[in-house]
Amino acid sequence: MKILILGAGQVGSSVAVALASENSDITVVDNHPQRLRDLSERLDIRTVHGHASLPSVLEDAGADDADLIIAVTSSDEVNLIACQVADALFKTPTKIARLRQTEYLQHPELTSRRGNAVDVAISPEALVCTHVQRLIEHPGALQVLDFAKGQVQMVAVRAAHGGALVDEPIRHVRERLPPGTDVRVAAIYRHGKPIIPEATTRIEANDEVFFLADRRHIRTVMDALRPKDKPVRRILIAGGGNIGMSLALAMEGQFGVKLLERSRDRAKAIAEDLQNSIVLVGDCTDEDLLREENIDQTDVYCALTNDDEANILSAMLAKRMGCPRVIALINRPAYAELVEGDSSIDIAISPQQVTLGALLTHIRAGTMVRVHSLRRGMAEAIEAVALGDSRTSRVIGRGLDELDLPESANVVGVVRGEKLLIAHHDVIVEPNDHLIVFLLDKRELPRVEAAFRAGVTWF
């Protein structure tokens, strides 16, 4: 597949890194020469210097025979115009644009096939807001991933002493849960290293456990992996940008929300839109201010400013002052890696990783209907659909233990209609089944894709 990535910023670079390992023909366009040099030194890709929406630049980049354009520059307008030019002049089949302004997203004629300019619109701010919202709604969760339109969820939890499943082998999991609760452990990360769970594998305290279950049973399983977390009632959000504002709007009907914004003018504008939230003006790294706002009685602190250093420092400060759960938005990958696993910050959110999963879902359209990028892009959780029939498919009509998948791929569940079938060796794959696969090593992705690719016939 020939792919043009417009923009070599943090999102564009992350997409390039992810796709370069998948044998795609990648060209990156940007008007910052240093960014392009840095990328070309790291990856075997082609780079083109120039303004991404100019027809001449797109032509130099090979838009005339590109299969896909991903417009992720820092300008919504450049992204929209680039997709318009690609469609009008080069008839590019698929065009994906990152749009940050919600007003553009409110007009579907701009972002639908009917409008032609953009086939898929991706809003990083909306994706991150949804991601944080799910973490708040599931106290104790490190990640919450949706599959089968939200019917099934995969959740990552840090196991702790006191959980009924801790120090127990996985084969005893069902016995320790209430009747009717079915779950599959997808993966375990111990001291940062992955473990493919087997029946005899014991869950230890401090393990990062990924499990799959019907969304109705998520809370029950979480409570069996760690002592029950205190329900969330009070939230303090630092940062009144698009993400902070959207999160406050989404949360203020359920929780007591305070929003802290440094700019007085921005705070005034936010206060006019929020109905049940308290809007404060001040610096999130101000210890006295946090104390005045009873940070020690706040259940969740979300540092969502556009300043990584402020997010990290204020989250660490809030934790030290008694806030039980802190979440920090961190754009720079090096910073995210630095604080990962740090006891003073519970969750470090990378907007690039959240956005990357949404992009990969559309890039791998076909058998892959949902992709979540995990562990800094090293692992993936995939929802793949079984297409075709027993003659044209390599998976239909076979048991799960007969599938030609790499060792690092673990099928954890099958969604058939509205029912979740927890993966067992005797489950036979049927047409249109949705298989949930946890892939520990993303380098094995081509084998997974090949297994689900339907052909005319296969032997």
Protein backbone atom coordinates (compact mmCIF):
# COMPACT_ATOMS: atom_id res chain seq x y z
CA MET A 1 0.00 0.00 0.00
CA LYS A 2 1.30 3.46 -0.93
CA ILE A 3 0.61 5.96 1.87
CA LEU A 4 1.23 9.70 2.04
CA ILE A 5 1.52 11.20 5.52
CA LEU A 6 1.11 14.97 5.55
CA GLY A 7 2.78 16.40 8.64
CA ALA A 8 5.85 15.14 10.49
CA GLY A 9 4.83 16.35 13.93
CA GLN A 10 4.28 14.04 16.88
CA VAL A 11 1.20 12.32 15.42
CA GLY A 12 2.60 12.09 11.90
CA SER A 13 5.90 10.70 13.18
CA SER A 14 4.10 8.11 15.31
CA VAL A 15 2.04 6.98 12.32
CA ALA A 16 5.15 6.77 10.14
CA VAL A 17 6.97 4.66 12.72
CA ALA A 18 3.99 2.33 13.08
CA LEU A 19 3.44 1.87 9.34
CA ALA A 20 7.09 1.67 8.29
CA SER A 21 7.33 -1.73 9.98
CA GLU A 22 4.34 -3.05 8.02
CA ASN A 23 5.97 -3.13 4.56
CA SER A 24 4.03 -0.11 3.35
CA ASP A 25 5.46 2.43 0.89
CA ILE A 26 5.55 5.56 3.08
CA THR A 27 6.15 9.18 2.00
CA VAL A 28 6.08 11.98 4.58
CA VAL A 29 5.50 15.62 3.61
CA ASP A 30 6.37 18.54 5.88
CA ASN A 31 7.66 22.11 5.60
CA HIS A 32 10.21 21.63 8.43
CA PRO A 33 13.42 20.15 6.97
CA GLN A 34 14.82 19.10 10.35
CA ARG A 35 11.76 17.00 11.15
CA LEU A 36 12.13 15.21 7.83
CA ARG A 37 15.84 14.62 8.37
CA ASP A 38 15.19 13.15 11.80
CA LEU A 39 12.57 10.78 10.38
CA SER A 40 14.61 9.70 7.36
CA GLU A 41 17.55 8.87 9.64
CA ARG A 42 15.36 6.57 11.74
CA LEU A 43 13.14 5.01 9.09
CA ASP A 44 13.37 3.66 5.57
CA ILE A 45 10.86 6.11 4.11
CA ARG A 46 10.75 8.86 1.49
CA THR A 47 10.38 12.49 2.55
CA VAL A 48 9.26 15.56 0.60
CA HIS A 49 9.81 19.12 1.78
CA GLY A 50 7.01 21.57 1.09
CA HIS A 51 3.57 22.90 2.00
CA ALA A 52 1.29 19.86 2.31
CA SER A 53 -1.77 21.32 0.56
CA LEU A 54 -0.01 22.57 -2.61
CA PRO A 55 -0.82 20.49 -5.72
CA SER A 56 2.83 20.58 -6.87
CA VAL A 57 4.06 19.23 -3.52
CA LEU A 58 1.44 16.48 -3.48
CA GLU A 59 2.37 15.56 -7.05
CA ASP A 60 6.07 15.35 -6.09
CA ALA A 61 5.10 13.12 -3.18
CA GLY A 62 3.30 10.70 -5.51
CA ALA A 63 -0.33 11.52 -4.82
CA ASP A 64 -1.29 10.45 -8.34
CA ASP A 65 -0.90 6.77 -7.43
CA ALA A 66 -1.28 6.87 -3.64
CA ASP A 67 -3.79 4.53 -2.02
CA LEU A 68 -4.22 6.62 1.10
CA ILE A 69 -3.50 10.14 2.35
CA ILE A 70 -3.28 10.85 6.07
CA ALA A 71 -3.39 14.61 6.69
CA VAL A 72 -2.17 15.23 10.24
CA THR A 73 -0.51 18.65 10.07
CA SER A 74 -1.10 21.11 12.92
CA SER A 75 -3.55 23.09 10.77
CA ASP A 76 -7.12 21.89 10.24
CA GLU A 77 -7.40 24.10 7.17
CA VAL A 78 -4.29 22.63 5.55
CA ASN A 79 -5.59 19.13 6.24
CA LEU A 80 -8.97 19.88 4.69
CA ILE A 81 -7.52 21.59 1.62
CA ALA A 82 -4.95 18.84 1.09
CA CYS A 83 -7.72 16.22 1.07
CA GLN A 84 -9.76 18.38 -1.33
CA VAL A 85 -6.79 18.72 -3.70
CA ALA A 86 -6.01 15.00 -3.48
CA ASP A 87 -9.58 14.13 -4.38
CA ALA A 88 -10.08 16.72 -7.14
CA LEU A 89 -6.72 16.41 -8.89
CA PHE A 90 -5.40 12.95 -8.05
CA LYS A 91 -8.55 10.91 -7.30
CA THR A 92 -6.94 9.48 -4.16
CA PRO A 93 -9.22 6.63 -2.98
CA THR A 94 -9.07 7.27 0.78
CA LYS A 95 -8.36 10.49 2.63
CA ILE A 96 -8.05 10.79 6.42
CA ALA A 97 -7.78 14.18 8.12
CA ARG A 98 -7.02 15.21 11.66
CA LEU A 99 -9.44 17.98 12.67
CA ARG A 100 -9.06 19.67 16.04
CA GLN A 101 -11.82 22.28 15.81
CA THR A 102 -15.13 20.74 16.84
CA GLU A 103 -17.04 23.12 14.56
CA TYR A 104 -15.66 21.32 11.49
CA LEU A 105 -16.78 17.99 12.91
CA GLN A 106 -20.30 19.30 13.40
CA HIS A 107 -20.78 19.53 9.62
CA PRO A 108 -20.89 15.96 8.23
CA GLU A 109 -20.92 17.23 4.64
CA LEU A 110 -17.25 18.13 5.16
CA THR A 111 -16.25 14.79 6.61
CA SER A 112 -18.23 12.16 4.75
CA ARG A 113 -17.95 10.42 1.41
CA ARG A 114 -20.84 12.51 0.20
CA GLY A 115 -18.63 15.56 0.58
CA ASN A 116 -15.68 13.78 -1.06
CA ALA A 117 -13.06 16.00 0.57
CA VAL A 118 -12.52 13.83 3.66
CA ASP A 119 -13.47 10.19 3.99
CA VAL A 120 -12.55 9.88 7.68
CA ALA A 121 -12.14 12.68 10.22
CA ILE A 122 -10.04 12.00 13.32
CA SER A 123 -10.25 14.29 16.34
CA PRO A 124 -7.39 13.58 18.79
CA GLU A 125 -9.00 15.80 21.40
CA ALA A 126 -12.30 13.91 21.24
CA LEU A 127 -10.48 10.55 21.37
CA VAL A 128 -8.40 11.56 24.40
CA CYS A 129 -11.46 13.00 26.14
CA THR A 130 -13.34 9.72 25.67
CA HIS A 131 -10.29 7.78 26.86
CA VAL A 132 -10.00 9.82 30.07
CA GLN A 133 -13.75 9.65 30.64
CA ARG A 134 -13.68 5.84 30.61
CA LEU A 135 -10.76 5.78 33.04
CA ILE A 136 -12.70 7.98 35.45
CA GLU A 137 -15.83 5.85 35.09
CA HIS A 138 -13.77 2.71 35.88
CA PRO A 139 -11.78 3.59 39.04
CA GLY A 140 -8.59 1.53 39.16
CA ALA A 141 -8.39 0.87 35.41
CA LEU A 142 -5.19 1.70 33.52
CA GLN A 143 -6.82 1.31 30.10
CA VAL A 144 -10.36 0.63 28.87
CA LEU A 145 -10.67 -0.59 25.28
CA ASP A 146 -13.97 -1.02 23.43
CA PHE A 147 -14.78 -3.85 21.02
CA ALA A 148 -17.95 -4.87 19.21
CA LYS A 149 -19.37 -1.34 19.42
CA GLY A 150 -18.80 -1.19 23.17
CA GLN A 151 -20.54 -4.46 23.97
CA VAL A 152 -17.22 -6.04 25.00
CA GLN A 153 -14.33 -4.35 26.78
CA MET A 154 -10.70 -5.14 27.45
CA VAL A 155 -9.42 -3.55 30.63
CA ALA A 156 -5.91 -3.23 32.04
CA VAL A 157 -5.63 -3.31 35.83
CA ARG A 158 -2.72 -3.27 38.27
CA ALA A 159 -3.27 -6.35 40.45
CA ALA A 160 -2.90 -5.74 44.19
CA HIS A 161 -2.79 -7.74 47.39
CA GLY A 162 -6.29 -8.40 48.65
CA GLY A 163 -7.76 -9.26 45.24
CA ALA A 164 -9.46 -12.68 45.13
CA LEU A 165 -7.60 -13.61 41.93
CA VAL A 166 -4.13 -12.52 43.10
CA ASP A 167 -1.70 -15.39 43.79
CA GLU A 168 -4.14 -17.75 42.10
CA PRO A 169 -3.48 -19.72 38.88
CA ILE A 170 -5.57 -18.60 35.93
CA ARG A 171 -7.42 -21.93 35.79
CA HIS A 172 -9.10 -20.94 39.10
CA VAL A 173 -10.36 -17.59 37.84
CA ARG A 174 -13.88 -18.76 37.03
CA GLU A 175 -14.21 -20.46 40.45
CA ARG A 176 -13.33 -17.20 42.25
CA LEU A 177 -15.92 -15.12 40.39
CA PRO A 178 -19.72 -15.02 40.86
CA PRO A 179 -21.72 -17.53 38.75
CA GLY A 180 -22.35 -16.30 35.21
CA THR A 181 -19.24 -14.10 35.14
CA ASP A 182 -16.95 -15.17 32.32
CA VAL A 183 -13.57 -13.58 31.67
CA ARG A 184 -10.39 -14.27 29.73
CA VAL A 185 -6.96 -12.99 30.77
CA ALA A 186 -5.45 -11.66 27.53
CA ALA A 187 -1.95 -10.75 28.68
CA ILE A 188 0.13 -10.07 31.76
CA TYR A 189 3.00 -7.59 31.99
CA ARG A 190 5.35 -8.32 34.88
CA HIS A 191 8.22 -5.88 35.52
CA GLY A 192 7.50 -4.48 32.05
CA LYS A 193 7.88 -7.82 30.27
CA PRO A 194 4.95 -9.62 28.59
CA ILE A 195 3.69 -13.05 29.60
CA ILE A 196 1.29 -15.13 27.50
CA PRO A 197 -1.08 -16.47 30.17
CA GLU A 198 -1.55 -20.21 30.52
CA ALA A 199 -3.75 -22.23 32.87
CA THR A 200 -0.94 -22.57 35.42
CA THR A 201 0.17 -18.92 35.30
CA ARG A 202 -0.33 -17.18 38.64
CA ILE A 203 -1.40 -13.54 38.82
CA GLU A 204 0.98 -11.69 41.14
CA ALA A 205 0.60 -8.37 42.91
CA ASN A 206 1.78 -5.42 40.75
CA ASP A 207 1.16 -7.38 37.53
CA GLU A 208 -0.47 -5.32 34.79
CA VAL A 209 -3.33 -7.61 33.76
CA PHE A 210 -5.30 -7.21 30.53
CA PHE A 211 -8.62 -9.06 30.61
CA LEU A 212 -11.63 -9.34 28.29
CA ALA A 213 -15.22 -9.51 29.50
CA ASP A 214 -18.73 -8.39 28.74
CA ARG A 215 -18.97 -4.76 29.81
CA ARG A 216 -21.60 -5.73 32.42
CA HIS A 217 -19.00 -7.80 34.27
CA ILE A 218 -16.02 -5.42 34.12
CA ARG A 219 -16.49 -4.01 37.62
CA THR A 220 -16.85 -7.48 39.13
CA VAL A 221 -13.59 -8.69 37.59
CA MET A 222 -11.72 -5.52 38.55
CA ASP A 223 -12.80 -5.92 42.16
CA ALA A 224 -11.40 -9.47 42.13
CA LEU A 225 -7.98 -8.23 40.97
CA ARG A 226 -7.54 -5.41 43.48
CA PRO A 227 -9.34 -4.07 46.54
CA LYS A 228 -12.43 -2.14 45.54
CA ASP A 229 -11.59 1.43 44.62
CA LYS A 230 -13.46 4.31 46.17
CA PRO A 231 -16.23 5.65 43.90
CA VAL A 232 -15.39 8.89 42.13
CA ARG A 233 -17.33 11.95 43.27
CA ARG A 234 -14.99 14.93 42.88
CA ILE A 235 -12.77 15.73 39.90
CA LEU A 236 -10.27 18.55 39.38
CA ILE A 237 -9.25 19.23 35.78
CA ALA A 238 -6.20 21.37 35.06
CA GLY A 239 -6.30 22.95 31.61
CA GLY A 240 -9.21 24.59 29.83
CA GLY A 241 -8.26 23.65 26.28
CA ASN A 242 -10.39 21.53 23.98
CA ILE A 243 -9.73 18.35 25.96
CA GLY A 244 -10.27 19.84 29.43
CA MET A 245 -13.37 21.72 28.34
CA SER A 246 -14.88 18.65 26.63
CA LEU A 247 -14.15 16.45 29.63
CA ALA A 248 -15.79 18.92 32.01
CA LEU A 249 -18.90 19.06 29.81
CA ALA A 250 -19.07 15.26 29.69
CA MET A 251 -18.50 14.78 33.43
CA GLU A 252 -20.34 17.63 35.14
CA GLY A 253 -23.69 15.83 35.06
CA GLN A 254 -22.29 12.86 37.01
CA PHE A 255 -19.58 14.29 39.26
CA GLY A 256 -18.59 17.42 41.09
CA VAL A 257 -16.19 19.08 38.64
CA LYS A 258 -13.71 21.91 39.12
CA LEU A 259 -11.72 23.22 36.16
CA LEU A 260 -8.50 25.18 36.63
CA GLU A 261 -7.39 27.47 33.81
CA ARG A 262 -4.43 29.86 33.78
CA SER A 263 -5.90 32.40 31.34
CA ARG A 264 -8.56 34.63 32.86
CA ASP A 265 -10.18 35.32 29.48
CA ARG A 266 -10.32 31.63 28.60
CA ALA A 267 -11.71 30.80 32.04
CA LYS A 268 -14.47 33.36 31.57
CA ALA A 269 -15.43 31.87 28.20
CA ILE A 270 -15.44 28.35 29.65
CA ALA A 271 -17.62 29.40 32.59
CA GLU A 272 -20.30 30.58 30.18
CA ASP A 273 -20.54 27.12 28.58
CA LEU A 274 -20.40 24.97 31.72
CA GLN A 275 -23.56 24.65 33.78
CA ASN A 276 -22.60 22.70 36.91
CA SER A 277 -18.82 23.09 37.12
CA ILE A 278 -16.68 25.49 39.12
CA VAL A 279 -14.12 27.34 36.97
CA LEU A 280 -10.98 28.63 38.70
CA VAL A 281 -8.20 30.92 37.48
CA GLY A 282 -4.68 29.97 38.49
CA ASP A 283 -1.53 27.92 37.96
CA CYS A 284 -1.89 24.16 38.38
CA THR A 285 1.61 23.93 39.88
CA ASP A 286 0.67 26.37 42.67
CA GLU A 287 0.78 24.28 45.86
CA ASP A 288 -1.18 26.82 47.89
CA LEU A 289 -3.97 26.90 45.30
CA LEU A 290 -4.24 23.10 45.23
CA ARG A 291 -4.40 23.07 49.03
CA GLU A 292 -7.12 25.73 49.05
CA GLU A 293 -9.16 23.62 46.63
CA ASN A 294 -8.86 20.57 48.91
CA ILE A 295 -6.81 18.44 46.56
CA ASP A 296 -6.56 15.82 49.34
CA GLN A 297 -10.37 15.40 49.18
CA THR A 298 -10.44 15.21 45.38
CA ASP A 299 -10.90 11.71 43.96
CA VAL A 300 -9.27 12.26 40.54
CA TYR A 301 -6.88 14.96 39.35
CA CYS A 302 -6.52 15.29 35.55
CA ALA A 303 -3.58 17.38 34.27
CA LEU A 304 -4.63 18.18 30.70
CA THR A 305 -2.79 21.40 29.82
CA ASN A 306 -0.68 21.72 26.65
CA ASP A 307 2.49 21.87 28.77
CA ASP A 308 4.01 18.44 29.50
CA GLU A 309 6.22 19.74 32.30
CA ALA A 310 3.29 21.43 34.04
CA ASN A 311 1.19 18.27 33.72
CA ILE A 312 3.91 16.04 35.17
CA LEU A 313 4.85 18.37 38.02
CA SER A 314 1.29 19.23 39.02
CA ALA A 315 0.22 15.56 38.92
CA MET A 316 3.16 14.60 41.13
CA LEU A 317 2.34 17.48 43.46
CA ALA A 318 -1.34 16.50 43.66
CA LYS A 319 -0.37 12.91 44.46
CA ARG A 320 2.04 14.01 47.19
CA MET A 321 -0.66 16.24 48.70
CA GLY A 322 -3.08 13.32 49.08
CA CYS A 323 -5.06 12.93 45.84
CA PRO A 324 -5.52 9.14 45.44
CA ARG A 325 -5.59 9.06 41.61
CA VAL A 326 -3.80 11.37 39.17
CA ILE A 327 -3.81 11.34 35.36
CA ALA A 328 -1.34 13.32 33.25
CA LEU A 329 -1.47 14.09 29.55
CA ILE A 330 2.05 13.76 28.12
CA ASN A 331 2.80 14.50 24.47
CA ARG A 332 6.51 13.77 24.36
CA PRO A 333 7.16 10.00 24.13
CA ALA A 334 10.41 10.31 26.09
CA TYR A 335 8.55 11.92 29.00
CA ALA A 336 5.80 9.29 28.88
CA GLU A 337 8.39 6.51 29.09
CA LEU A 338 10.13 8.31 31.95
CA VAL A 339 7.06 8.46 34.19
CA GLU A 340 5.55 5.11 33.15
CA GLY A 341 5.33 2.93 36.22
CA ASP A 342 6.20 5.87 38.49
CA SER A 343 4.14 5.50 41.66
CA SER A 344 3.55 9.27 41.80
CA ILE A 345 1.60 9.32 38.52
CA ASP A 346 -1.09 6.65 38.11
CA ILE A 347 -1.71 7.02 34.38
CA ALA A 348 0.29 8.83 31.69
CA ILE A 349 -1.78 9.34 28.56
CA SER A 350 -0.09 9.68 25.17
CA PRO A 351 -2.38 11.44 22.66
CA GLN A 352 -0.27 9.97 19.85
CA GLN A 353 -0.97 6.39 20.95
CA VAL A 354 -4.70 7.04 21.39
CA THR A 355 -4.88 8.67 17.94
CA LEU A 356 -2.72 5.98 16.34
CA GLY A 357 -5.18 3.23 17.26
CA ALA A 358 -8.04 5.12 15.58
CA LEU A 359 -5.94 5.74 12.46
CA LEU A 360 -4.83 2.11 12.22
CA THR A 361 -8.45 0.99 12.38
CA HIS A 362 -9.20 2.92 9.19
CA ILE A 363 -5.88 2.16 7.50
CA ARG A 364 -6.39 -1.57 7.91
CA ALA A 365 -10.03 -1.47 6.85
CA GLY A 366 -11.35 -4.84 5.74
CA THR A 367 -10.90 -7.69 8.18
CA MET A 368 -9.58 -5.38 10.94
CA VAL A 369 -12.54 -3.46 12.30
CA ARG A 370 -10.92 -2.16 15.50
CA VAL A 371 -7.28 -1.61 16.45
CA HIS A 372 -5.86 -0.38 19.76
CA SER A 373 -2.17 0.47 19.93
CA LEU A 374 -0.63 -0.55 23.27
CA ARG A 375 2.68 -0.46 25.12
CA ARG A 376 4.11 2.45 23.11
CA GLY A 377 3.15 0.75 19.83
CA MET A 378 4.86 -2.57 20.62
CA ALA A 379 1.59 -4.48 21.12
CA GLU A 380 -1.92 -4.29 19.70
CA ALA A 381 -5.41 -5.41 20.61
CA ILE A 382 -7.30 -6.21 17.42
CA GLU A 383 -10.89 -6.98 16.49
CA ALA A 384 -10.80 -9.01 13.28
CA VAL A 385 -13.86 -10.25 11.40
CA ALA A 386 -13.98 -13.68 9.74
CA LEU A 387 -15.05 -13.04 6.14
CA GLY A 388 -15.92 -15.53 3.43
CA ASP A 389 -16.66 -19.21 3.98
CA SER A 390 -14.77 -22.43 4.72
CA ARG A 391 -13.39 -22.52 1.14
CA THR A 392 -12.12 -18.95 0.97
CA SER A 393 -11.14 -18.31 4.60
CA ARG A 394 -8.23 -19.67 6.62
CA VAL A 395 -10.15 -19.34 9.90
CA ILE A 396 -13.81 -20.22 9.25
CA GLY A 397 -14.67 -23.79 10.20
CA ARG A 398 -11.58 -24.18 12.37
CA GLY A 399 -11.15 -24.37 16.12
CA LEU A 400 -9.28 -21.53 17.80
CA ASP A 401 -6.32 -23.79 18.54
CA GLU A 402 -6.07 -24.68 14.82
CA LEU A 403 -5.61 -21.13 13.55
CA ASP A 404 -2.31 -20.32 11.86
CA LEU A 405 -1.33 -17.48 14.18
CA PRO A 406 2.08 -16.56 15.65
CA GLU A 407 2.89 -17.50 19.24
CA SER A 408 2.65 -13.86 20.30
CA ALA A 409 -1.01 -13.72 19.16
CA ASN A 410 -3.60 -14.73 21.76
CA VAL A 411 -7.27 -15.08 20.69
CA VAL A 412 -9.15 -14.11 23.83
CA GLY A 413 -12.76 -13.95 22.69
CA VAL A 414 -15.25 -14.32 19.86
CA VAL A 415 -18.21 -11.98 19.45
CA ARG A 416 -21.03 -13.75 17.61
CA GLY A 417 -24.01 -11.50 17.09
CA GLU A 418 -24.67 -9.99 20.51
CA LYS A 419 -22.97 -12.77 22.45
CA LEU A 420 -19.39 -12.93 23.73
CA LEU A 421 -17.80 -16.38 23.62
CA ILE A 422 -14.75 -16.53 25.85
CA ALA A 423 -11.98 -18.24 23.88
CA HIS A 424 -11.68 -22.01 24.39
CA HIS A 425 -10.07 -24.60 22.12
CA ASP A 426 -13.46 -26.08 21.18
CA VAL A 427 -14.89 -22.81 19.79
CA ILE A 428 -15.31 -23.17 16.00
CA VAL A 429 -15.08 -19.96 13.98
CA GLU A 430 -18.18 -19.13 11.97
CA PRO A 431 -18.72 -16.58 9.16
CA ASN A 432 -18.90 -12.97 10.41
CA ASP A 433 -17.53 -13.84 13.84
CA HIS A 434 -15.49 -11.03 15.38
CA LEU A 435 -12.30 -12.39 16.97
CA ILE A 436 -10.54 -10.36 19.67
CA VAL A 437 -6.79 -10.90 19.38
CA PHE A 438 -4.08 -9.61 21.72
CA LEU A 439 -0.80 -9.34 19.79
CA LEU A 440 2.22 -9.04 22.07
CA ASP A 441 4.69 -8.46 19.22
CA LYS A 442 3.44 -6.11 16.51
CA ARG A 443 6.13 -7.35 14.14
CA GLU A 444 4.02 -10.49 13.72
CA LEU A 445 1.07 -8.47 12.38
CA PRO A 446 1.50 -9.59 8.72
CA ARG A 447 0.88 -13.20 9.77
CA VAL A 448 -2.27 -12.21 11.66
CA GLU A 449 -3.57 -10.21 8.71
CA ALA A 450 -2.78 -13.08 6.31
CA ALA A 451 -4.74 -15.51 8.49
CA PHE A 452 -7.89 -13.41 8.27
CA ARG A 453 -7.54 -12.41 4.61
CA ALA A 454 -10.26 -14.06 2.52
CA GLY A 455 -9.39 -15.16 -1.02
CA VAL A 456 -11.02 -16.89 -3.96
CA THR A 457 -9.83 -20.26 -2.67
CA TRP A 458 -7.05 -21.42 -0.43
CA PHE A 459 -5.23 -24.70 -0.03
